[in-house]
Amino acid sequence: MSDKHTKKHKIFRGVVVSDKMQKTIVVRVDRIKEHPKYERRYRVSKRYKAHDEKGEFRTGDIVLIEEVRPLSRDKRWRAVKKIGENRTEVLEANPKDDPSNSE
């Protein structure tokens, strides 16, 4: 029993949906479930609050989050690294700049 117990932490991949708090981001993690009777697959998602010490992650980033000790009432996750960007730029509602509205 001289071996150290190294507990495996859960690691999830998700999309940052909010970065408006200080040192905290909200990450949406999607997974696929299958209905027990009808065997249809469907997507379910859950939102986790994760610690972002440096404020380096922005809305739309794809990140890895890791389970850690409780940091606050809601935070039990820490953002580990950024995998990619999934940003969708929102066009301003200006009819002059909209290419689909050709007059």
N, C-alpha and C. Protein backbone atom coordinates (compact mmCIF):
# COMPACT_ATOMS: atom_id res chain seq x y z
N MET A 1 0.81 -1.20 0.00
CA MET A 1 0.00 0.00 0.00
C MET A 1 0.85 1.27 0.00
N SER A 2 2.08 1.15 -0.44
CA SER A 2 2.92 2.33 -0.52
C SER A 2 2.65 3.12 -1.80
N ASP A 3 1.87 2.52 -2.71
CA ASP A 3 1.52 3.23 -3.94
C ASP A 3 0.58 4.39 -3.64
N LYS A 4 0.82 5.47 -4.35
CA LYS A 4 -0.10 6.60 -4.22
C LYS A 4 -1.34 6.33 -5.04
N HIS A 5 -2.48 6.64 -4.48
CA HIS A 5 -3.72 6.51 -5.23
C HIS A 5 -3.89 7.75 -6.07
N THR A 6 -3.86 7.58 -7.36
CA THR A 6 -4.11 8.70 -8.26
C THR A 6 -5.49 8.52 -8.84
N LYS A 7 -6.38 9.35 -8.40
CA LYS A 7 -7.76 9.26 -8.85
C LYS A 7 -7.89 9.87 -10.24
N LYS A 8 -8.55 9.15 -11.12
CA LYS A 8 -8.79 9.65 -12.46
C LYS A 8 -9.89 10.71 -12.40
N HIS A 9 -9.62 11.84 -12.98
CA HIS A 9 -10.60 12.91 -13.04
C HIS A 9 -11.40 12.77 -14.33
N LYS A 10 -12.67 13.12 -14.26
CA LYS A 10 -13.48 13.12 -15.46
C LYS A 10 -13.06 14.29 -16.33
N ILE A 11 -13.01 14.07 -17.63
CA ILE A 11 -12.66 15.12 -18.58
C ILE A 11 -13.73 15.13 -19.66
N PHE A 12 -14.32 16.31 -19.88
CA PHE A 12 -15.36 16.48 -20.89
C PHE A 12 -14.91 17.51 -21.92
N ARG A 13 -15.50 17.41 -23.11
CA ARG A 13 -15.27 18.39 -24.17
C ARG A 13 -16.57 19.14 -24.39
N GLY A 14 -16.50 20.45 -24.47
CA GLY A 14 -17.72 21.23 -24.66
C GLY A 14 -17.44 22.57 -25.29
N VAL A 15 -18.51 23.32 -25.46
CA VAL A 15 -18.46 24.64 -26.09
C VAL A 15 -18.75 25.70 -25.04
N VAL A 16 -17.95 26.74 -25.00
CA VAL A 16 -18.18 27.84 -24.06
C VAL A 16 -19.40 28.62 -24.53
N VAL A 17 -20.41 28.71 -23.67
CA VAL A 17 -21.62 29.45 -24.02
C VAL A 17 -21.71 30.79 -23.31
N SER A 18 -20.88 31.00 -22.27
CA SER A 18 -20.89 32.27 -21.58
C SER A 18 -19.52 32.51 -20.94
N ASP A 19 -19.03 33.74 -21.06
CA ASP A 19 -17.78 34.12 -20.41
C ASP A 19 -17.94 35.47 -19.71
N LYS A 20 -19.14 35.74 -19.23
CA LYS A 20 -19.44 37.06 -18.68
C LYS A 20 -19.05 37.20 -17.21
N MET A 21 -18.75 36.10 -16.54
CA MET A 21 -18.35 36.17 -15.14
C MET A 21 -16.83 36.29 -15.03
N GLN A 22 -16.37 36.74 -13.88
CA GLN A 22 -14.94 36.85 -13.66
C GLN A 22 -14.40 35.48 -13.27
N LYS A 23 -13.39 35.02 -14.00
CA LYS A 23 -12.70 33.75 -13.75
C LYS A 23 -13.62 32.53 -13.82
N THR A 24 -14.76 32.66 -14.49
CA THR A 24 -15.70 31.54 -14.64
C THR A 24 -16.27 31.55 -16.04
N ILE A 25 -16.34 30.35 -16.63
CA ILE A 25 -17.00 30.20 -17.91
C ILE A 25 -18.08 29.14 -17.77
N VAL A 26 -19.08 29.21 -18.63
CA VAL A 26 -20.13 28.19 -18.66
C VAL A 26 -19.91 27.37 -19.93
N VAL A 27 -19.80 26.05 -19.75
CA VAL A 27 -19.48 25.15 -20.85
C VAL A 27 -20.66 24.21 -21.07
N ARG A 28 -21.14 24.11 -22.31
CA ARG A 28 -22.21 23.18 -22.65
C ARG A 28 -21.58 21.90 -23.19
N VAL A 29 -21.91 20.78 -22.53
CA VAL A 29 -21.39 19.48 -22.94
C VAL A 29 -22.56 18.69 -23.52
N ASP A 30 -22.42 18.26 -24.77
CA ASP A 30 -23.46 17.47 -25.45
C ASP A 30 -23.08 16.00 -25.41
N ARG A 31 -24.10 15.15 -25.29
CA ARG A 31 -23.88 13.72 -25.41
C ARG A 31 -25.09 13.09 -26.08
N ILE A 32 -24.92 11.91 -26.60
CA ILE A 32 -25.98 11.21 -27.32
C ILE A 32 -26.55 10.12 -26.41
N LYS A 33 -27.87 10.13 -26.25
CA LYS A 33 -28.56 9.09 -25.50
C LYS A 33 -29.42 8.29 -26.46
N GLU A 34 -29.77 7.10 -26.04
CA GLU A 34 -30.65 6.27 -26.84
C GLU A 34 -31.88 5.93 -26.01
N HIS A 35 -33.04 6.09 -26.62
CA HIS A 35 -34.28 5.79 -25.93
C HIS A 35 -34.36 4.28 -25.65
N PRO A 36 -34.70 3.89 -24.40
CA PRO A 36 -34.67 2.47 -24.07
C PRO A 36 -35.67 1.61 -24.85
N LYS A 37 -36.82 2.16 -25.16
CA LYS A 37 -37.84 1.36 -25.86
C LYS A 37 -37.76 1.54 -27.37
N TYR A 38 -37.70 2.79 -27.82
CA TYR A 38 -37.78 3.06 -29.25
C TYR A 38 -36.42 3.09 -29.95
N GLU A 39 -35.36 3.03 -29.18
CA GLU A 39 -33.99 2.96 -29.68
C GLU A 39 -33.60 4.12 -30.59
N ARG A 40 -34.26 5.23 -30.43
CA ARG A 40 -33.89 6.42 -31.20
C ARG A 40 -32.83 7.18 -30.42
N ARG A 41 -31.82 7.64 -31.13
CA ARG A 41 -30.77 8.43 -30.50
C ARG A 41 -31.17 9.90 -30.51
N TYR A 42 -30.86 10.57 -29.40
CA TYR A 42 -31.14 12.00 -29.33
C TYR A 42 -30.06 12.67 -28.50
N ARG A 43 -29.92 13.97 -28.71
CA ARG A 43 -28.87 14.74 -28.06
C ARG A 43 -29.39 15.38 -26.78
N VAL A 44 -28.62 15.22 -25.72
CA VAL A 44 -28.91 15.91 -24.47
C VAL A 44 -27.68 16.74 -24.12
N SER A 45 -27.89 17.86 -23.48
CA SER A 45 -26.77 18.71 -23.13
C SER A 45 -26.89 19.14 -21.68
N LYS A 46 -25.75 19.42 -21.09
CA LYS A 46 -25.70 19.88 -19.71
C LYS A 46 -24.69 21.01 -19.65
N ARG A 47 -24.97 21.97 -18.78
CA ARG A 47 -24.11 23.14 -18.65
C ARG A 47 -23.31 23.03 -17.35
N TYR A 48 -22.00 23.24 -17.46
CA TYR A 48 -21.11 23.20 -16.31
C TYR A 48 -20.43 24.54 -16.16
N LYS A 49 -20.27 25.00 -14.92
CA LYS A 49 -19.47 26.19 -14.65
C LYS A 49 -18.05 25.74 -14.38
N ALA A 50 -17.11 26.31 -15.11
CA ALA A 50 -15.71 25.91 -15.02
C ALA A 50 -14.85 27.11 -14.67
N HIS A 51 -13.77 26.84 -13.96
CA HIS A 51 -12.84 27.89 -13.53
C HIS A 51 -11.90 28.25 -14.68
N ASP A 52 -11.77 29.54 -14.94
CA ASP A 52 -10.89 30.07 -15.97
C ASP A 52 -10.05 31.16 -15.33
N GLU A 53 -8.92 30.79 -14.78
CA GLU A 53 -8.09 31.70 -13.98
C GLU A 53 -7.62 32.92 -14.76
N LYS A 54 -7.15 32.71 -15.99
CA LYS A 54 -6.56 33.81 -16.77
C LYS A 54 -7.56 34.53 -17.65
N GLY A 55 -8.76 34.02 -17.78
CA GLY A 55 -9.75 34.65 -18.65
C GLY A 55 -9.41 34.51 -20.11
N GLU A 56 -8.83 33.37 -20.50
CA GLU A 56 -8.37 33.19 -21.87
C GLU A 56 -9.40 32.58 -22.80
N PHE A 57 -10.51 32.06 -22.30
CA PHE A 57 -11.50 31.40 -23.14
C PHE A 57 -12.65 32.34 -23.42
N ARG A 58 -13.13 32.32 -24.67
CA ARG A 58 -14.21 33.19 -25.10
C ARG A 58 -15.40 32.36 -25.56
N THR A 59 -16.54 33.01 -25.69
CA THR A 59 -17.76 32.34 -26.14
C THR A 59 -17.53 31.74 -27.52
N GLY A 60 -17.91 30.48 -27.67
CA GLY A 60 -17.75 29.78 -28.93
C GLY A 60 -16.53 28.89 -28.99
N ASP A 61 -15.60 29.00 -28.05
CA ASP A 61 -14.42 28.16 -28.04
C ASP A 61 -14.79 26.73 -27.64
N ILE A 62 -14.12 25.76 -28.23
CA ILE A 62 -14.27 24.37 -27.84
C ILE A 62 -13.16 24.06 -26.86
N VAL A 63 -13.52 23.63 -25.64
CA VAL A 63 -12.54 23.46 -24.57
C VAL A 63 -12.68 22.09 -23.92
N LEU A 64 -11.62 21.70 -23.22
CA LEU A 64 -11.64 20.53 -22.35
C LEU A 64 -11.79 21.02 -20.92
N ILE A 65 -12.69 20.39 -20.15
CA ILE A 65 -12.83 20.72 -18.74
C ILE A 65 -12.54 19.47 -17.92
N GLU A 66 -11.95 19.67 -16.74
CA GLU A 66 -11.53 18.58 -15.89
C GLU A 66 -12.17 18.75 -14.51
N GLU A 67 -12.56 17.65 -13.92
CA GLU A 67 -13.17 17.67 -12.60
C GLU A 67 -12.11 17.95 -11.54
N VAL A 68 -12.42 18.88 -10.63
CA VAL A 68 -11.50 19.23 -9.54
C VAL A 68 -12.29 19.33 -8.24
N ARG A 69 -11.60 19.67 -7.18
CA ARG A 69 -12.29 19.84 -5.90
C ARG A 69 -13.26 21.02 -6.00
N PRO A 70 -14.26 21.09 -5.12
CA PRO A 70 -15.20 22.21 -5.19
C PRO A 70 -14.50 23.55 -4.99
N LEU A 71 -14.71 24.46 -5.94
CA LEU A 71 -14.10 25.79 -5.87
C LEU A 71 -15.09 26.83 -5.36
N SER A 72 -16.38 26.57 -5.55
CA SER A 72 -17.44 27.44 -5.04
C SER A 72 -18.70 26.59 -4.96
N ARG A 73 -19.83 27.23 -4.77
CA ARG A 73 -21.07 26.47 -4.66
C ARG A 73 -21.40 25.72 -5.94
N ASP A 74 -21.11 26.32 -7.09
CA ASP A 74 -21.46 25.72 -8.37
C ASP A 74 -20.27 25.15 -9.14
N LYS A 75 -19.06 25.62 -8.86
CA LYS A 75 -17.90 25.25 -9.68
C LYS A 75 -17.19 24.03 -9.13
N ARG A 76 -17.17 22.95 -9.95
CA ARG A 76 -16.40 21.76 -9.64
C ARG A 76 -15.57 21.33 -10.85
N TRP A 77 -15.35 22.25 -11.78
CA TRP A 77 -14.65 21.96 -13.02
C TRP A 77 -13.63 23.05 -13.30
N ARG A 78 -12.59 22.70 -14.05
CA ARG A 78 -11.54 23.65 -14.42
C ARG A 78 -11.28 23.50 -15.91
N ALA A 79 -11.21 24.62 -16.61
CA ALA A 79 -10.91 24.60 -18.04
C ALA A 79 -9.44 24.25 -18.23
N VAL A 80 -9.19 23.19 -19.00
CA VAL A 80 -7.82 22.70 -19.16
C VAL A 80 -7.15 23.34 -20.36
N LYS A 81 -7.75 23.16 -21.55
CA LYS A 81 -7.14 23.74 -22.74
C LYS A 81 -8.19 23.97 -23.82
N LYS A 82 -7.82 24.82 -24.75
CA LYS A 82 -8.69 25.16 -25.87
C LYS A 82 -8.37 24.23 -27.03
N ILE A 83 -9.41 23.59 -27.56
CA ILE A 83 -9.21 22.66 -28.68
C ILE A 83 -9.39 23.39 -30.00
N GLY A 84 -10.42 24.22 -30.11
CA GLY A 84 -10.67 24.92 -31.36
C GLY A 84 -11.67 26.03 -31.15
N GLU A 85 -12.09 26.61 -32.28
CA GLU A 85 -13.06 27.69 -32.24
C GLU A 85 -14.30 27.27 -33.01
N ASN A 86 -15.45 27.59 -32.46
CA ASN A 86 -16.72 27.27 -33.10
C ASN A 86 -17.55 28.54 -33.19
N ARG A 87 -16.88 29.65 -33.39
CA ARG A 87 -17.56 30.93 -33.35
C ARG A 87 -18.39 31.15 -34.60
N THR A 88 -19.58 31.69 -34.39
CA THR A 88 -20.43 32.09 -35.52
C THR A 88 -20.65 33.59 -35.37
N GLU A 89 -20.15 34.32 -36.33
CA GLU A 89 -20.27 35.77 -36.28
C GLU A 89 -21.71 36.17 -36.60
N VAL A 90 -22.24 37.05 -35.80
CA VAL A 90 -23.61 37.51 -35.98
C VAL A 90 -23.58 38.78 -36.83
N LEU A 91 -24.34 38.76 -37.92
CA LEU A 91 -24.42 39.94 -38.77
C LEU A 91 -25.30 40.99 -38.12
N GLU A 92 -24.89 42.21 -38.26
CA GLU A 92 -25.71 43.32 -37.76
C GLU A 92 -26.97 43.41 -38.60
N ALA A 93 -28.05 43.80 -37.98
CA ALA A 93 -29.33 43.90 -38.68
C ALA A 93 -29.37 45.21 -39.45
N ASN A 94 -28.62 45.25 -40.52
CA ASN A 94 -28.56 46.42 -41.37
C ASN A 94 -28.91 45.96 -42.78
N PRO A 95 -30.06 46.36 -43.32
CA PRO A 95 -30.47 45.85 -44.63
C PRO A 95 -29.55 46.25 -45.77
N LYS A 96 -28.75 47.31 -45.63
CA LYS A 96 -27.84 47.72 -46.69
C LYS A 96 -26.67 46.75 -46.85
N ASP A 97 -26.20 46.17 -45.74
CA ASP A 97 -25.05 45.28 -45.78
C ASP A 97 -25.40 43.83 -46.04
N ASP A 98 -26.67 43.47 -46.02
CA ASP A 98 -27.09 42.09 -46.18
C ASP A 98 -26.99 41.69 -47.66
N PRO A 99 -26.12 40.71 -47.99
CA PRO A 99 -25.96 40.34 -49.40
C PRO A 99 -27.18 39.65 -49.99
N SER A 100 -28.03 39.04 -49.19
CA SER A 100 -29.22 38.36 -49.70
C SER A 100 -30.31 39.35 -50.11
N ASN A 101 -30.19 40.59 -49.63
CA ASN A 101 -31.19 41.60 -49.94
C ASN A 101 -30.63 42.50 -51.05
N SER A 102 -30.67 42.00 -52.28
CA SER A 102 -30.14 42.78 -53.40
C SER A 102 -31.28 43.53 -54.07
N GLU A 103 -31.23 44.83 -53.98
CA GLU A 103 -32.29 45.67 -54.56
C GLU A 103 -31.83 46.30 -55.84
